[in-house]
Amino acid sequence: MEKLKIPKGYKTTKQRKAILEILEENITPMHAEDIYLKLKEKGIDVSLSTIYRNLDMLQKQGLVVKAYMLNEDKARFGLSSKKNYLICKNCKKIVIIDNCPFEKFKEELMEVHGFDILEHSIEVYGICPDCKKQKANE
């Protein structure tokens, strides 16, 4: 997979590159605080407000999506190429849906509702196989 690049017109700073690298390394979306901790582990000194500003810019440029998971008060951030998830309501495990099922319905929704659909994200909540197995063994 080709590495993501900072959009044209924006400085390529060490912090911006590091934020994108963290998001590329992690399969599931992360809270800004988790990104902050990962950067600290790598020895990169950056404030939480700088992380939020950069995530906002990357979101506006279409590289990052902001998601609010059910029953969470903080947003998670992930790469826009990974924006459809299965989420376990028990253990909070997140699994990326690679083949987006929405594409099948997109044209129909646009036709029926006359709505130009520009983007989307899907969060499906349930119980993962590990939690089902654990519950069955109780």
Protein backbone atom coordinates (compact mmCIF):
# COMPACT_ATOMS: atom_id res chain seq x y z
CA MET A 1 0.00 0.00 0.00
CA GLU A 2 1.27 3.43 -0.92
CA LYS A 3 2.06 5.73 2.01
CA LEU A 4 -0.34 8.61 2.51
CA LYS A 5 1.04 12.07 1.91
CA ILE A 6 0.30 15.46 3.44
CA PRO A 7 -1.98 17.35 1.01
CA LYS A 8 -0.48 20.02 -1.26
CA GLY A 9 -0.53 23.48 0.25
CA TYR A 10 0.25 22.17 3.74
CA LYS A 11 3.69 21.92 5.31
CA THR A 12 4.99 18.39 5.75
CA THR A 13 5.87 18.56 9.42
CA LYS A 14 7.34 15.79 11.54
CA GLN A 15 4.14 15.75 13.63
CA ARG A 16 1.80 15.47 10.62
CA LYS A 17 3.82 12.66 9.13
CA ALA A 18 3.90 10.87 12.48
CA ILE A 19 0.11 11.19 12.97
CA LEU A 20 -0.52 9.66 9.54
CA GLU A 21 1.96 6.88 10.27
CA ILE A 22 0.18 6.04 13.55
CA LEU A 23 -3.18 5.90 11.75
CA GLU A 24 -1.69 3.72 8.99
CA GLU A 25 -0.19 1.33 11.57
CA ASN A 26 -3.47 0.90 13.45
CA ILE A 27 -6.23 -1.03 11.81
CA THR A 28 -9.05 0.50 13.83
CA PRO A 29 -9.91 4.15 14.54
CA MET A 30 -8.28 5.75 17.56
CA HIS A 31 -9.01 8.50 20.07
CA ALA A 32 -6.74 11.53 19.77
CA GLU A 33 -5.40 10.71 23.25
CA ASP A 34 -4.30 7.26 22.01
CA ILE A 35 -2.49 8.90 19.09
CA TYR A 36 -0.83 11.25 21.58
CA LEU A 37 0.39 8.30 23.70
CA LYS A 38 1.71 6.42 20.65
CA LEU A 39 3.62 9.53 19.54
CA LYS A 40 5.11 9.90 23.04
CA GLU A 41 6.22 6.23 22.91
CA LYS A 42 8.05 7.05 19.67
CA GLY A 43 9.72 10.05 21.31
CA ILE A 44 7.79 12.62 19.28
CA ASP A 45 6.95 15.69 21.36
CA VAL A 46 3.56 17.06 20.35
CA SER A 47 0.67 18.59 22.25
CA LEU A 48 -2.84 17.15 22.21
CA SER A 49 -4.16 20.40 20.71
CA THR A 50 -1.67 20.04 17.81
CA ILE A 51 -2.95 16.52 17.22
CA TYR A 52 -6.56 17.73 17.11
CA ARG A 53 -5.66 20.58 14.72
CA ASN A 54 -3.85 18.19 12.40
CA LEU A 55 -6.64 15.61 12.54
CA ASP A 56 -9.12 18.36 11.67
CA MET A 57 -7.03 19.42 8.65
CA LEU A 58 -6.56 15.80 7.52
CA GLN A 59 -10.30 15.23 7.88
CA LYS A 60 -11.12 18.31 5.78
CA GLN A 61 -8.71 17.01 3.12
CA GLY A 62 -10.48 13.64 3.05
CA LEU A 63 -7.60 11.53 4.42
CA VAL A 64 -9.11 10.95 7.86
CA VAL A 65 -12.64 10.23 9.05
CA LYS A 66 -14.06 11.17 12.42
CA ALA A 67 -16.43 8.63 13.95
CA TYR A 68 -18.52 8.71 17.09
CA MET A 69 -19.05 5.19 18.33
CA LEU A 70 -22.27 4.41 20.16
CA ASN A 71 -22.11 5.25 23.89
CA GLU A 72 -18.73 6.98 23.63
CA ASP A 73 -18.30 10.65 24.38
CA LYS A 74 -15.07 11.07 22.37
CA ALA A 75 -14.51 10.85 18.65
CA ARG A 76 -12.26 8.28 17.06
CA PHE A 77 -10.15 9.01 14.03
CA GLY A 78 -9.15 6.63 11.27
CA LEU A 79 -8.04 6.62 7.67
CA SER A 80 -10.86 7.33 5.22
CA SER A 81 -10.07 4.05 3.45
CA LYS A 82 -11.09 2.24 6.67
CA LYS A 83 -14.46 3.70 7.61
CA ASN A 84 -16.92 0.82 7.92
CA TYR A 85 -16.87 -1.24 11.12
CA LEU A 86 -18.35 -4.09 13.10
CA ILE A 87 -18.19 -3.19 16.80
CA CYS A 88 -18.65 -5.60 19.70
CA LYS A 89 -20.93 -4.08 22.32
CA ASN A 90 -19.34 -6.27 24.98
CA CYS A 91 -15.55 -5.98 24.58
CA LYS A 92 -15.51 -2.95 22.19
CA LYS A 93 -13.47 -4.87 19.59
CA ILE A 94 -13.62 -3.17 16.19
CA VAL A 95 -13.41 -5.07 12.90
CA ILE A 96 -13.11 -3.27 9.57
CA ILE A 97 -15.62 -4.19 6.86
CA ASP A 98 -13.51 -4.37 3.71
CA ASN A 99 -16.25 -4.82 1.12
CA CYS A 100 -18.65 -2.00 1.82
CA PRO A 101 -22.26 -3.20 1.65
CA PHE A 102 -23.50 0.36 1.25
CA GLU A 103 -22.37 0.62 -2.36
CA LYS A 104 -25.23 -1.70 -3.36
CA PHE A 105 -27.79 0.69 -1.89
CA LYS A 106 -26.18 3.98 -2.82
CA GLU A 107 -27.66 4.32 -6.31
CA GLU A 108 -31.13 3.32 -5.09
CA LEU A 109 -31.02 5.84 -2.24
CA MET A 110 -29.90 8.58 -4.60
CA GLU A 111 -32.68 7.76 -7.06
CA VAL A 112 -35.48 7.39 -4.49
CA HIS A 113 -34.56 10.39 -2.35
CA GLY A 114 -32.88 12.65 -4.92
CA PHE A 115 -29.98 13.01 -2.53
CA ASP A 116 -26.40 13.39 -3.78
CA ILE A 117 -24.43 11.06 -1.52
CA LEU A 118 -20.90 12.35 -1.10
CA GLU A 119 -19.55 10.03 1.57
CA HIS A 120 -20.62 7.65 4.30
CA SER A 121 -19.47 5.49 7.17
CA ILE A 122 -21.15 2.43 8.65
CA GLU A 123 -21.00 1.18 12.23
CA VAL A 124 -22.70 -2.14 12.93
CA TYR A 125 -23.00 -3.16 16.59
CA GLY A 126 -23.25 -6.72 17.87
CA ILE A 127 -21.38 -9.39 19.80
CA CYS A 128 -18.07 -10.77 18.50
CA PRO A 129 -17.34 -14.52 18.26
CA ASP A 130 -14.97 -14.42 21.27
CA CYS A 131 -17.62 -12.83 23.53
CA LYS A 132 -20.30 -15.26 22.27
CA LYS A 133 -18.00 -18.17 23.05
CA GLN A 134 -17.17 -16.79 26.50
CA LYS A 135 -20.87 -16.26 27.28
CA ALA A 136 -21.68 -19.84 26.17
CA ASN A 137 -19.01 -21.19 28.54
CA GLU A 138 -20.39 -19.32 31.57
